[in-house]
Amino acid sequence: MNFLHPQEISAMILLHLKYFLMVAEELNITRAAERLYISQQSLSNHISNMERELDVKLFTRSPKLSLTYAGGLLVETATQILD
């Protein structure tokens, strides 16, 4: 069984936060994906996985993408972590 090194786990968490912040900034997954040079589907999957892991919705998806209260709190926290 292969286990990830703690530095690899940290890098993955930071990548998830970077992706989340880009979507929060754009409020559009397609534009955020373009800025990150990844596919829209990949970015959407990252966000969905984050929501599942955290057991909270970070965005409302209709009528247009917007941050939930929890998503707004995560923006503040993620910004502090990445600064």
PDB file of N, CA and C in Angstrom:
ATOM      1  N   MET A   1       0.848  -1.176   0.000  1.00  0.00           N
ATOM      2  CA  MET A   1       0.000   0.000   0.000  1.00  0.00           C
ATOM      3  C   MET A   1       0.896   1.242   0.000  1.00  0.00           C
ATOM      4  N   ASN A   2       0.586   2.190  -0.874  1.00  0.00           N
ATOM      5  CA  ASN A   2       1.344   3.437  -0.966  1.00  0.00           C
ATOM      6  C   ASN A   2       0.670   4.511  -0.134  1.00  0.00           C
ATOM      7  N   PHE A   3       1.454   5.168   0.674  1.00  0.00           N
ATOM      8  CA  PHE A   3       0.947   6.286   1.453  1.00  0.00           C
ATOM      9  C   PHE A   3       1.614   7.551   0.955  1.00  0.00           C
ATOM     10  N   LEU A   4       0.863   8.640   0.989  1.00  0.00           N
ATOM     11  CA  LEU A   4       1.415   9.915   0.565  1.00  0.00           C
ATOM     12  C   LEU A   4       2.293  10.484   1.664  1.00  0.00           C
ATOM     13  N   HIS A   5       3.342  11.108   1.256  1.00  0.00           N
ATOM     14  CA  HIS A   5       4.237  11.819   2.164  1.00  0.00           C
ATOM     15  C   HIS A   5       3.502  13.061   2.673  1.00  0.00           C
ATOM     16  N   PRO A   6       3.732  13.458   3.920  1.00  0.00           N
ATOM     17  CA  PRO A   6       3.042  14.652   4.443  1.00  0.00           C
ATOM     18  C   PRO A   6       3.190  15.889   3.564  1.00  0.00           C
ATOM     19  N   GLN A   7       4.340  16.063   2.918  1.00  0.00           N
ATOM     20  CA  GLN A   7       4.510  17.223   2.029  1.00  0.00           C
ATOM     21  C   GLN A   7       3.601  17.120   0.812  1.00  0.00           C
ATOM     22  N   GLU A   8       3.368  15.897   0.327  1.00  0.00           N
ATOM     23  CA  GLU A   8       2.465  15.709  -0.809  1.00  0.00           C
ATOM     24  C   GLU A   8       1.028  16.023  -0.397  1.00  0.00           C
ATOM     25  N   ILE A   9       0.660  15.631   0.811  1.00  0.00           N
ATOM     26  CA  ILE A   9      -0.683  15.929   1.311  1.00  0.00           C
ATOM     27  C   ILE A   9      -0.856  17.434   1.445  1.00  0.00           C
ATOM     28  N   SER A  10       0.144  18.114   2.004  1.00  0.00           N
ATOM     29  CA  SER A  10       0.080  19.574   2.145  1.00  0.00           C
ATOM     30  C   SER A  10      -0.053  20.254   0.792  1.00  0.00           C
ATOM     31  N   ALA A  11       0.703  19.778  -0.188  1.00  0.00           N
ATOM     32  CA  ALA A  11       0.635  20.357  -1.534  1.00  0.00           C
ATOM     33  C   ALA A  11      -0.751  20.154  -2.133  1.00  0.00           C
ATOM     34  N   MET A  12      -1.352  18.983  -1.896  1.00  0.00           N
ATOM     35  CA  MET A  12      -2.694  18.715  -2.422  1.00  0.00           C
ATOM     36  C   MET A  12      -3.715  19.642  -1.777  1.00  0.00           C
ATOM     37  N   ILE A  13      -3.610  19.845  -0.472  1.00  0.00           N
ATOM     38  CA  ILE A  13      -4.539  20.724   0.229  1.00  0.00           C
ATOM     39  C   ILE A  13      -4.400  22.153  -0.285  1.00  0.00           C
ATOM     40  N   LEU A  14      -3.178  22.613  -0.460  1.00  0.00           N
ATOM     41  CA  LEU A  14      -2.963  23.967  -0.975  1.00  0.00           C
ATOM     42  C   LEU A  14      -3.514  24.114  -2.389  1.00  0.00           C
ATOM     43  N   LEU A  15      -3.382  23.078  -3.201  1.00  0.00           N
ATOM     44  CA  LEU A  15      -3.924  23.117  -4.554  1.00  0.00           C
ATOM     45  C   LEU A  15      -5.445  23.220  -4.518  1.00  0.00           C
ATOM     46  N   HIS A  16      -6.081  22.440  -3.642  1.00  0.00           N
ATOM     47  CA  HIS A  16      -7.541  22.520  -3.498  1.00  0.00           C
ATOM     48  C   HIS A  16      -7.958  23.935  -3.093  1.00  0.00           C
ATOM     49  N   LEU A  17      -7.237  24.540  -2.163  1.00  0.00           N
ATOM     50  CA  LEU A  17      -7.572  25.898  -1.730  1.00  0.00           C
ATOM     51  C   LEU A  17      -7.385  26.900  -2.861  1.00  0.00           C
ATOM     52  N   LYS A  18      -6.312  26.746  -3.630  1.00  0.00           N
ATOM     53  CA  LYS A  18      -6.076  27.629  -4.776  1.00  0.00           C
ATOM     54  C   LYS A  18      -7.218  27.511  -5.779  1.00  0.00           C
ATOM     55  N   TYR A  19      -7.619  26.290  -6.087  1.00  0.00           N
ATOM     56  CA  TYR A  19      -8.722  26.074  -7.020  1.00  0.00           C
ATOM     57  C   TYR A  19     -10.009  26.699  -6.481  1.00  0.00           C
ATOM     58  N   PHE A  20     -10.285  26.454  -5.206  1.00  0.00           N
ATOM     59  CA  PHE A  20     -11.489  27.006  -4.591  1.00  0.00           C
ATOM     60  C   PHE A  20     -11.498  28.531  -4.681  1.00  0.00           C
ATOM     61  N   LEU A  21     -10.373  29.157  -4.337  1.00  0.00           N
ATOM     62  CA  LEU A  21     -10.318  30.619  -4.376  1.00  0.00           C
ATOM     63  C   LEU A  21     -10.513  31.179  -5.777  1.00  0.00           C
ATOM     64  N   MET A  22     -10.014  30.477  -6.769  1.00  0.00           N
ATOM     65  CA  MET A  22     -10.192  30.949  -8.145  1.00  0.00           C
ATOM     66  C   MET A  22     -11.671  30.899  -8.535  1.00  0.00           C
ATOM     67  N   VAL A  23     -12.355  29.824  -8.161  1.00  0.00           N
ATOM     68  CA  VAL A  23     -13.791  29.734  -8.456  1.00  0.00           C
ATOM     69  C   VAL A  23     -14.540  30.811  -7.676  1.00  0.00           C
ATOM     70  N   ALA A  24     -14.167  31.019  -6.424  1.00  0.00           N
ATOM     71  CA  ALA A  24     -14.827  32.046  -5.609  1.00  0.00           C
ATOM     72  C   ALA A  24     -14.622  33.437  -6.202  1.00  0.00           C
ATOM     73  N   GLU A  25     -13.454  33.679  -6.761  1.00  0.00           N
ATOM     74  CA  GLU A  25     -13.167  34.977  -7.382  1.00  0.00           C
ATOM     75  C   GLU A  25     -13.963  35.164  -8.663  1.00  0.00           C
ATOM     76  N   GLU A  26     -13.976  34.159  -9.499  1.00  0.00           N
ATOM     77  CA  GLU A  26     -14.656  34.257 -10.797  1.00  0.00           C
ATOM     78  C   GLU A  26     -16.169  34.064 -10.697  1.00  0.00           C
ATOM     79  N   LEU A  27     -16.592  33.252  -9.732  1.00  0.00           N
ATOM     80  CA  LEU A  27     -17.983  32.808  -9.636  1.00  0.00           C
ATOM     81  C   LEU A  27     -18.467  32.218 -10.960  1.00  0.00           C
ATOM     82  N   ASN A  28     -17.534  31.545 -11.619  1.00  0.00           N
ATOM     83  CA  ASN A  28     -17.806  30.884 -12.891  1.00  0.00           C
ATOM     84  C   ASN A  28     -16.745  29.789 -13.061  1.00  0.00           C
ATOM     85  N   ILE A  29     -17.180  28.549 -13.070  1.00  0.00           N
ATOM     86  CA  ILE A  29     -16.224  27.434 -13.105  1.00  0.00           C
ATOM     87  C   ILE A  29     -15.481  27.386 -14.431  1.00  0.00           C
ATOM     88  N   THR A  30     -16.133  27.679 -15.520  1.00  0.00           N
ATOM     89  CA  THR A  30     -15.466  27.639 -16.827  1.00  0.00           C
ATOM     90  C   THR A  30     -14.342  28.668 -16.894  1.00  0.00           C
ATOM     91  N   ARG A  31     -14.624  29.903 -16.487  1.00  0.00           N
ATOM     92  CA  ARG A  31     -13.579  30.939 -16.508  1.00  0.00           C
ATOM     93  C   ARG A  31     -12.450  30.624 -15.529  1.00  0.00           C
ATOM     94  N   ALA A  32     -12.804  30.108 -14.352  1.00  0.00           N
ATOM     95  CA  ALA A  32     -11.775  29.741 -13.375  1.00  0.00           C
ATOM     96  C   ALA A  32     -10.893  28.626 -13.927  1.00  0.00           C
ATOM     97  N   ALA A  33     -11.501  27.649 -14.577  1.00  0.00           N
ATOM     98  CA  ALA A  33     -10.738  26.538 -15.158  1.00  0.00           C
ATOM     99  C   ALA A  33      -9.794  27.046 -16.236  1.00  0.00           C
ATOM    100  N   GLU A  34     -10.265  27.964 -17.054  1.00  0.00           N
ATOM    101  CA  GLU A  34      -9.406  28.538 -18.090  1.00  0.00           C
ATOM    102  C   GLU A  34      -8.207  29.244 -17.471  1.00  0.00           C
ATOM    103  N   ARG A  35      -8.434  29.986 -16.412  1.00  0.00           N
ATOM    104  CA  ARG A  35      -7.330  30.696 -15.740  1.00  0.00           C
ATOM    105  C   ARG A  35      -6.344  29.733 -15.079  1.00  0.00           C
ATOM    106  N   LEU A  36      -6.853  28.581 -14.662  1.00  0.00           N
ATOM    107  CA  LEU A  36      -6.003  27.577 -14.005  1.00  0.00           C
ATOM    108  C   LEU A  36      -5.387  26.591 -14.995  1.00  0.00           C
ATOM    109  N   TYR A  37      -5.765  26.706 -16.262  1.00  0.00           N
ATOM    110  CA  TYR A  37      -5.284  25.799 -17.319  1.00  0.00           C
ATOM    111  C   TYR A  37      -5.633  24.333 -17.037  1.00  0.00           C
ATOM    112  N   ILE A  38      -6.867  24.123 -16.545  1.00  0.00           N
ATOM    113  CA  ILE A  38      -7.371  22.768 -16.358  1.00  0.00           C
ATOM    114  C   ILE A  38      -8.762  22.710 -16.979  1.00  0.00           C
ATOM    115  N   SER A  39      -9.288  21.507 -17.120  1.00  0.00           N
ATOM    116  CA  SER A  39     -10.618  21.374 -17.722  1.00  0.00           C
ATOM    117  C   SER A  39     -11.695  21.799 -16.726  1.00  0.00           C
ATOM    118  N   GLN A  40     -12.806  22.231 -17.274  1.00  0.00           N
ATOM    119  CA  GLN A  40     -13.944  22.614 -16.443  1.00  0.00           C
ATOM    120  C   GLN A  40     -14.404  21.435 -15.607  1.00  0.00           C
ATOM    121  N   GLN A  41     -14.451  20.251 -16.203  1.00  0.00           N
ATOM    122  CA  GLN A  41     -14.911  19.056 -15.489  1.00  0.00           C
ATOM    123  C   GLN A  41     -13.981  18.716 -14.327  1.00  0.00           C
ATOM    124  N   SER A  42     -12.683  18.830 -14.544  1.00  0.00           N
ATOM    125  CA  SER A  42     -11.712  18.558 -13.480  1.00  0.00           C
ATOM    126  C   SER A  42     -11.905  19.525 -12.313  1.00  0.00           C
ATOM    127  N   LEU A  43     -12.063  20.798 -12.618  1.00  0.00           N
ATOM    128  CA  LEU A  43     -12.253  21.797 -11.565  1.00  0.00           C
ATOM    129  C   LEU A  43     -13.570  21.565 -10.827  1.00  0.00           C
ATOM    130  N   SER A  44     -14.607  21.269 -11.569  1.00  0.00           N
ATOM    131  CA  SER A  44     -15.897  20.981 -10.956  1.00  0.00           C
ATOM    132  C   SER A  44     -15.786  19.780 -10.008  1.00  0.00           C
ATOM    133  N   ASN A  45     -15.043  18.768 -10.438  1.00  0.00           N
ATOM    134  CA  ASN A  45     -14.832  17.588  -9.590  1.00  0.00           C
ATOM    135  C   ASN A  45     -14.059  17.948  -8.325  1.00  0.00           C
ATOM    136  N   HIS A  46     -13.046  18.799  -8.449  1.00  0.00           N
ATOM    137  CA  HIS A  46     -12.280  19.230  -7.275  1.00  0.00           C
ATOM    138  C   HIS A  46     -13.190  19.909  -6.259  1.00  0.00           C
ATOM    139  N   ILE A  47     -14.039  20.804  -6.745  1.00  0.00           N
ATOM    140  CA  ILE A  47     -14.939  21.534  -5.848  1.00  0.00           C
ATOM    141  C   ILE A  47     -15.936  20.581  -5.195  1.00  0.00           C
ATOM    142  N   SER A  48     -16.496  19.686  -5.986  1.00  0.00           N
ATOM    143  CA  SER A  48     -17.442  18.709  -5.431  1.00  0.00           C
ATOM    144  C   SER A  48     -16.779  17.822  -4.391  1.00  0.00           C
ATOM    145  N   ASN A  49     -15.544  17.410  -4.652  1.00  0.00           N
ATOM    146  CA  ASN A  49     -14.813  16.582  -3.686  1.00  0.00           C
ATOM    147  C   ASN A  49     -14.541  17.352  -2.397  1.00  0.00           C
ATOM    148  N   MET A  50     -14.185  18.619  -2.525  1.00  0.00           N
ATOM    149  CA  MET A  50     -13.979  19.448  -1.328  1.00  0.00           C
ATOM    150  C   MET A  50     -15.261  19.527  -0.504  1.00  0.00           C
ATOM    151  N   GLU A  51     -16.370  19.763  -1.174  1.00  0.00           N
ATOM    152  CA  GLU A  51     -17.650  19.870  -0.471  1.00  0.00           C
ATOM    153  C   GLU A  51     -17.995  18.557   0.227  1.00  0.00           C
ATOM    154  N   ARG A  52     -17.724  17.458  -0.432  1.00  0.00           N
ATOM    155  CA  ARG A  52     -18.004  16.150   0.153  1.00  0.00           C
ATOM    156  C   ARG A  52     -17.088  15.896   1.363  1.00  0.00           C
ATOM    157  N   GLU A  53     -15.794  16.198   1.217  1.00  0.00           N
ATOM    158  CA  GLU A  53     -14.842  15.989   2.313  1.00  0.00           C
ATOM    159  C   GLU A  53     -15.159  16.879   3.511  1.00  0.00           C
ATOM    160  N   LEU A  54     -15.559  18.119   3.255  1.00  0.00           N
ATOM    161  CA  LEU A  54     -15.873  19.054   4.328  1.00  0.00           C
ATOM    162  C   LEU A  54     -17.296  18.901   4.838  1.00  0.00           C
ATOM    163  N   ASP A  55     -18.114  18.161   4.089  1.00  0.00           N
ATOM    164  CA  ASP A  55     -19.522  17.942   4.409  1.00  0.00           C
ATOM    165  C   ASP A  55     -20.282  19.264   4.530  1.00  0.00           C
ATOM    166  N   VAL A  56     -20.026  20.137   3.539  1.00  0.00           N
ATOM    167  CA  VAL A  56     -20.697  21.433   3.509  1.00  0.00           C
ATOM    168  C   VAL A  56     -20.728  21.927   2.060  1.00  0.00           C
ATOM    169  N   LYS A  57     -21.779  22.629   1.703  1.00  0.00           N
ATOM    170  CA  LYS A  57     -21.857  23.246   0.388  1.00  0.00           C
ATOM    171  C   LYS A  57     -21.116  24.572   0.421  1.00  0.00           C
ATOM    172  N   LEU A  58     -20.208  24.755  -0.517  1.00  0.00           N
ATOM    173  CA  LEU A  58     -19.431  25.986  -0.590  1.00  0.00           C
ATOM    174  C   LEU A  58     -20.047  26.992  -1.558  1.00  0.00           C
ATOM    175  N   PHE A  59     -20.816  26.478  -2.516  1.00  0.00           N
ATOM    176  CA  PHE A  59     -21.450  27.319  -3.535  1.00  0.00           C
ATOM    177  C   PHE A  59     -22.902  26.905  -3.713  1.00  0.00           C
ATOM    178  N   THR A  60     -23.758  27.879  -4.010  1.00  0.00           N
ATOM    179  CA  THR A  60     -25.072  27.559  -4.554  1.00  0.00           C
ATOM    180  C   THR A  60     -24.902  27.628  -6.064  1.00  0.00           C
ATOM    181  N   ARG A  61     -25.608  26.775  -6.766  1.00  0.00           N
ATOM    182  CA  ARG A  61     -25.365  26.652  -8.199  1.00  0.00           C
ATOM    183  C   ARG A  61     -26.501  27.162  -9.070  1.00  0.00           C
ATOM    184  N   SER A  62     -27.544  27.687  -8.464  1.00  0.00           N
ATOM    185  CA  SER A  62     -28.610  28.228  -9.293  1.00  0.00           C
ATOM    186  C   SER A  62     -29.254  29.398  -8.568  1.00  0.00           C
ATOM    187  N   PRO A  63     -29.707  30.419  -9.232  1.00  0.00           N
ATOM    188  CA  PRO A  63     -29.703  30.537 -10.686  1.00  0.00           C
ATOM    189  C   PRO A  63     -28.310  30.774 -11.249  1.00  0.00           C
ATOM    190  N   LYS A  64     -27.404  31.326 -10.462  1.00  0.00           N
ATOM    191  CA  LYS A  64     -26.014  31.434 -10.901  1.00  0.00           C
ATOM    192  C   LYS A  64     -25.120  31.085  -9.711  1.00  0.00           C
ATOM    193  N   LEU A  65     -23.871  30.814  -9.978  1.00  0.00           N
ATOM    194  CA  LEU A  65     -22.940  30.404  -8.936  1.00  0.00           C
ATOM    195  C   LEU A  65     -22.723  31.529  -7.928  1.00  0.00           C
ATOM    196  N   SER A  66     -22.860  31.202  -6.650  1.00  0.00           N
ATOM    197  CA  SER A  66     -22.587  32.170  -5.590  1.00  0.00           C
ATOM    198  C   SER A  66     -22.075  31.418  -4.364  1.00  0.00           C
ATOM    199  N   LEU A  67     -21.369  32.134  -3.520  1.00  0.00           N
ATOM    200  CA  LEU A  67     -20.826  31.536  -2.305  1.00  0.00           C
ATOM    201  C   LEU A  67     -21.915  31.356  -1.257  1.00  0.00           C
ATOM    202  N   THR A  68     -21.848  30.252  -0.543  1.00  0.00           N
ATOM    203  CA  THR A  68     -22.687  30.078   0.635  1.00  0.00           C
ATOM    204  C   THR A  68     -21.989  30.786   1.796  1.00  0.00           C
ATOM    205  N   TYR A  69     -22.643  30.813   2.938  1.00  0.00           N
ATOM    206  CA  TYR A  69     -22.012  31.396   4.129  1.00  0.00           C
ATOM    207  C   TYR A  69     -20.710  30.647   4.441  1.00  0.00           C
ATOM    208  N   ALA A  70     -20.761  29.314   4.393  1.00  0.00           N
ATOM    209  CA  ALA A  70     -19.565  28.499   4.650  1.00  0.00           C
ATOM    210  C   ALA A  70     -18.481  28.783   3.616  1.00  0.00           C
ATOM    211  N   GLY A  71     -18.880  28.967   2.366  1.00  0.00           N
ATOM    212  CA  GLY A  71     -17.924  29.292   1.313  1.00  0.00           C
ATOM    213  C   GLY A  71     -17.242  30.621   1.574  1.00  0.00           C
ATOM    214  N   GLY A  72     -18.000  31.602   2.058  1.00  0.00           N
ATOM    215  CA  GLY A  72     -17.432  32.897   2.398  1.00  0.00           C
ATOM    216  C   GLY A  72     -16.421  32.800   3.527  1.00  0.00           C
ATOM    217  N   LEU A  73     -16.727  31.980   4.518  1.00  0.00           N
ATOM    218  CA  LEU A  73     -15.783  31.768   5.615  1.00  0.00           C
ATOM    219  C   LEU A  73     -14.508  31.098   5.111  1.00  0.00           C
ATOM    220  N   LEU A  74     -14.676  30.145   4.194  1.00  0.00           N
ATOM    221  CA  LEU A  74     -13.502  29.455   3.660  1.00  0.00           C
ATOM    222  C   LEU A  74     -12.646  30.399   2.820  1.00  0.00           C
ATOM    223  N   VAL A  75     -13.262  31.334   2.120  1.00  0.00           N
ATOM    224  CA  VAL A  75     -12.487  32.326   1.360  1.00  0.00           C
ATOM    225  C   VAL A  75     -11.553  33.074   2.307  1.00  0.00           C
ATOM    226  N   GLU A  76     -12.091  33.537   3.429  1.00  0.00           N
ATOM    227  CA  GLU A  76     -11.271  34.274   4.393  1.00  0.00           C
ATOM    228  C   GLU A  76     -10.126  33.407   4.918  1.00  0.00           C
ATOM    229  N   THR A  77     -10.432  32.184   5.305  1.00  0.00           N
ATOM    230  CA  THR A  77      -9.437  31.285   5.874  1.00  0.00           C
ATOM    231  C   THR A  77      -8.398  30.896   4.838  1.00  0.00           C
ATOM    232  N   ALA A  78      -8.859  30.519   3.636  1.00  0.00           N
ATOM    233  CA  ALA A  78      -7.934  30.085   2.585  1.00  0.00           C
ATOM    234  C   ALA A  78      -7.007  31.216   2.165  1.00  0.00           C
ATOM    235  N   THR A  79      -7.537  32.433   2.129  1.00  0.00           N
ATOM    236  CA  THR A  79      -6.721  33.585   1.771  1.00  0.00           C
ATOM    237  C   THR A  79      -5.612  33.791   2.801  1.00  0.00           C
ATOM    238  N   GLN A  80      -5.934  33.656   4.064  1.00  0.00           N
ATOM    239  CA  GLN A  80      -4.925  33.781   5.115  1.00  0.00           C
ATOM    240  C   GLN A  80      -3.878  32.686   5.000  1.00  0.00           C
ATOM    241  N   ILE A  81      -4.301  31.470   4.715  1.00  0.00           N
ATOM    242  CA  ILE A  81      -3.374  30.343   4.613  1.00  0.00           C
ATOM    243  C   ILE A  81      -2.427  30.534   3.448  1.00  0.00           C
ATOM    244  N   LEU A  82      -2.945  30.993   2.301  1.00  0.00           N
ATOM    245  CA  LEU A  82      -2.136  31.096   1.094  1.00  0.00           C
ATOM    246  C   LEU A  82      -1.310  32.381   1.018  1.00  0.00           C
ATOM    247  N   ASP A  83      -1.598  33.337   1.880  1.00  0.00           N
ATOM    248  CA  ASP A  83      -0.818  34.585   1.878  1.00  0.00           C
ATOM    249  C   ASP A  83       0.510  34.427   2.576  1.00  0.00           C
TER     250      ASP A  83
END
